[in-house]
C-alpha atoms as a PDB file:
ATOM      1  CA  MET A   1     -15.861  13.197 -16.881  1.00  0.00           C
ATOM      2  CA  ASN A   2     -17.989  11.593 -14.166  1.00  0.00           C
ATOM      3  CA  GLY A   3     -18.104   7.920 -13.693  1.00  0.00           C
ATOM      4  CA  GLU A   4     -22.014   7.865 -14.864  1.00  0.00           C
ATOM      5  CA  THR A   5     -21.505   9.980 -17.944  1.00  0.00           C
ATOM      6  CA  LEU A   6     -18.344   7.671 -19.007  1.00  0.00           C
ATOM      7  CA  TRP A   7     -19.953   4.348 -18.082  1.00  0.00           C
ATOM      8  CA  ASN A   8     -22.918   5.519 -20.598  1.00  0.00           C
ATOM      9  CA  HIS A   9     -20.461   6.648 -23.015  1.00  0.00           C
ATOM     10  CA  VAL A  10     -18.618   3.591 -23.066  1.00  0.00           C
ATOM     11  CA  THR A  11     -21.045   0.988 -23.024  1.00  0.00           C
ATOM     12  CA  SER A  12     -22.981   3.305 -26.386  1.00  0.00           C
ATOM     13  CA  VAL A  13     -19.525   2.793 -28.114  1.00  0.00           C
ATOM     14  CA  LEU A  14     -19.081  -0.972 -27.105  1.00  0.00           C
ATOM     15  CA  SER A  15     -22.826  -1.967 -27.871  1.00  0.00           C
ATOM     16  CA  SER A  16     -22.068  -1.464 -31.678  1.00  0.00           C
ATOM     17  CA  SER A  17     -19.192  -3.769 -32.235  1.00  0.00           C
ATOM     18  CA  GLY A  18     -16.359  -5.040 -29.762  1.00  0.00           C
ATOM     19  CA  VAL A  19     -13.201  -2.885 -29.371  1.00  0.00           C
ATOM     20  CA  GLU A  20      -9.503  -4.167 -29.319  1.00  0.00           C
ATOM     21  CA  ILE A  21      -7.856  -2.256 -26.469  1.00  0.00           C
ATOM     22  CA  GLN A  22      -4.075  -2.673 -25.605  1.00  0.00           C
ATOM     23  CA  THR A  23      -2.378  -0.375 -23.213  1.00  0.00           C
ATOM     24  CA  THR A  24       0.976   0.835 -22.914  1.00  0.00           C
ATOM     25  CA  THR A  25       1.994  -2.005 -20.152  1.00  0.00           C
ATOM     26  CA  GLY A  26       1.063  -4.957 -22.527  1.00  0.00           C
ATOM     27  CA  LEU A  27      -2.361  -5.656 -21.360  1.00  0.00           C
ATOM     28  CA  TRP A  28      -4.388  -6.716 -24.588  1.00  0.00           C
ATOM     29  CA  PHE A  29      -8.093  -7.217 -24.505  1.00  0.00           C
ATOM     30  CA  THR A  30     -11.420  -7.347 -26.386  1.00  0.00           C
ATOM     31  CA  ALA A  31     -14.250  -5.462 -25.032  1.00  0.00           C
ATOM     32  CA  SER A  32     -17.848  -5.319 -25.646  1.00  0.00           C
ATOM     33  CA  SER A  33     -21.401  -4.526 -23.939  1.00  0.00           C
ATOM     34  CA  ARG A  34     -24.788  -5.689 -23.951  1.00  0.00           C
ATOM     35  CA  ASP A  35     -27.555  -6.371 -21.256  1.00  0.00           C
ATOM     36  CA  GLY A  36     -26.155  -3.440 -19.561  1.00  0.00           C
ATOM     37  CA  ARG A  37     -22.950  -4.905 -18.595  1.00  0.00           C
ATOM     38  CA  LEU A  38     -19.292  -4.626 -20.180  1.00  0.00           C
ATOM     39  CA  TYR A  39     -17.550  -7.957 -21.380  1.00  0.00           C
ATOM     40  CA  VAL A  40     -13.979  -8.603 -21.575  1.00  0.00           C
ATOM     41  CA  ASP A  41     -13.752 -11.578 -24.263  1.00  0.00           C
ATOM     42  CA  ARG A  42     -10.239 -12.226 -24.481  1.00  0.00           C
ATOM     43  CA  ALA A  43      -7.031 -11.155 -22.194  1.00  0.00           C
ATOM     44  CA  ILE A  44      -3.553 -11.374 -22.541  1.00  0.00           C
ATOM     45  CA  TYR A  45      -0.660  -9.792 -21.208  1.00  0.00           C
ATOM     46  CA  ASN A  46       2.669  -9.202 -23.750  1.00  0.00           C
ATOM     47  CA  SER A  47       2.004 -12.019 -25.808  1.00  0.00           C
ATOM     48  CA  PRO A  48      -1.087 -14.597 -27.028  1.00  0.00           C
ATOM     49  CA  SER A  49       0.711 -17.268 -25.084  1.00  0.00           C
ATOM     50  CA  SER A  50       0.082 -15.742 -21.653  1.00  0.00           C
ATOM     51  CA  GLU A  51      -3.739 -15.740 -21.256  1.00  0.00           C
ATOM     52  CA  LEU A  52      -5.076 -14.162 -18.287  1.00  0.00           C
ATOM     53  CA  SER A  53      -8.769 -14.954 -18.691  1.00  0.00           C
ATOM     54  CA  MET A  54     -11.022 -15.850 -21.316  1.00  0.00           C
ATOM     55  CA  LYS A  55     -14.176 -14.238 -20.117  1.00  0.00           C
ATOM     56  CA  ARG A  56     -14.728 -11.339 -17.895  1.00  0.00           C
ATOM     57  CA  THR A  57     -17.770  -9.437 -16.756  1.00  0.00           C
ATOM     58  CA  ILE A  58     -17.838  -5.789 -15.573  1.00  0.00           C
ATOM     59  CA  SER A  59     -21.364  -4.502 -14.016  1.00  0.00           C
ATOM     60  CA  LYS A  60     -21.700  -0.693 -13.704  1.00  0.00           C
ATOM     61  CA  LYS A  61     -21.405  -0.924  -9.855  1.00  0.00           C
ATOM     62  CA  ASP A  62     -17.934  -2.171 -10.429  1.00  0.00           C
ATOM     63  CA  PHE A  63     -17.353   0.528 -13.240  1.00  0.00           C
ATOM     64  CA  LEU A  64     -17.988   3.021 -10.979  1.00  0.00           C
ATOM     65  CA  LEU A  65     -16.268   2.048  -8.145  1.00  0.00           C
ATOM     66  CA  VAL A  66     -12.894   1.444  -9.904  1.00  0.00           C
ATOM     67  CA  HIS A  67     -13.754   4.910 -11.427  1.00  0.00           C
ATOM     68  CA  SER A  68     -13.979   6.636  -8.081  1.00  0.00           C
ATOM     69  CA  TYR A  69     -10.337   5.837  -7.281  1.00  0.00           C
ATOM     70  CA  TYR A  70      -8.927   6.408 -10.644  1.00  0.00           C
ATOM     71  CA  ASP A  71      -7.704   9.946 -10.354  1.00  0.00           C
ATOM     72  CA  ARG A  72      -5.860   8.918  -6.967  1.00  0.00           C
ATOM     73  CA  TRP A  73      -4.072   6.240  -9.067  1.00  0.00           C
ATOM     74  CA  VAL A  74      -3.228   8.301 -11.739  1.00  0.00           C
ATOM     75  CA  ASN A  75      -1.426  10.732  -9.292  1.00  0.00           C
ATOM     76  CA  GLY A  76       0.457   8.073  -7.897  1.00  0.00           C
ATOM     77  CA  GLU A  77      -0.915   7.423  -4.601  1.00  0.00           C
ATOM     78  CA  THR A  78       0.292   4.516  -2.907  1.00  0.00           C
ATOM     79  CA  GLY A  79      -1.684   1.691  -2.180  1.00  0.00           C
ATOM     80  CA  VAL A  80      -4.667   2.604  -4.476  1.00  0.00           C
ATOM     81  CA  ARG A  81      -4.314   0.173  -6.991  1.00  0.00           C
ATOM     82  CA  HIS A  82      -4.328  -2.590  -4.256  1.00  0.00           C
ATOM     83  CA  GLU A  83      -7.427  -1.218  -2.502  1.00  0.00           C
ATOM     84  CA  VAL A  84      -9.500  -1.091  -5.594  1.00  0.00           C
ATOM     85  CA  SER A  85      -8.206  -4.535  -6.897  1.00  0.00           C
ATOM     86  CA  ARG A  86      -9.395  -6.134  -3.641  1.00  0.00           C
ATOM     87  CA  LYS A  87     -12.866  -5.022  -4.264  1.00  0.00           C
ATOM     88  CA  SER A  88     -12.821  -5.634  -8.378  1.00  0.00           C
ATOM     89  CA  ARG A  89     -11.004  -8.292 -10.115  1.00  0.00           C
ATOM     90  CA  ASN A  90     -11.695  -6.460 -13.044  1.00  0.00           C
ATOM     91  CA  THR A  91      -9.449  -3.160 -11.946  1.00  0.00           C
ATOM     92  CA  ALA A  92      -6.789  -3.251 -14.960  1.00  0.00           C
ATOM     93  CA  TYR A  93      -9.374  -3.797 -17.423  1.00  0.00           C
ATOM     94  CA  ILE A  94     -11.519  -0.687 -16.067  1.00  0.00           C
ATOM     95  CA  PHE A  95      -8.621   1.683 -15.557  1.00  0.00           C
ATOM     96  CA  ALA A  96      -7.901   0.554 -19.334  1.00  0.00           C
ATOM     97  CA  LEU A  97     -11.316   1.433 -20.391  1.00  0.00           C
ATOM     98  CA  ILE A  98     -11.334   4.797 -18.458  1.00  0.00           C
ATOM     99  CA  ASP A  99      -8.089   6.023 -19.899  1.00  0.00           C
ATOM    100  CA  LYS A 100      -9.075   4.939 -23.594  1.00  0.00           C
ATOM    101  CA  TYR A 101     -12.418   6.987 -23.289  1.00  0.00           C
ATOM    102  CA  SER A 102     -12.390   9.665 -20.716  1.00  0.00           C
ATOM    103  CA  ASN A 103     -10.385  12.273 -23.131  1.00  0.00           C
END
């Protein structure tokens, strides 16, 4: 699924209600969509006592940038996560959303 199509799908799904997402690496967050942006409302890693952030905003531009790196990251190309993380602080959340909704 291309980035634009996936963006439209994710924002549509998340606009009806927030969704809790947990990754296999232990990142857990609640995501929602409004006003053409994605919002990470809570984020924790491994346990509720280790908060990563309370609020994050993900723009379409950031989503599409991270999406453009996703296949390279999944294929294990070294340095990809670091490279894209420098450009978007929301990389982990976007990768998790892509993984959840691209199939």
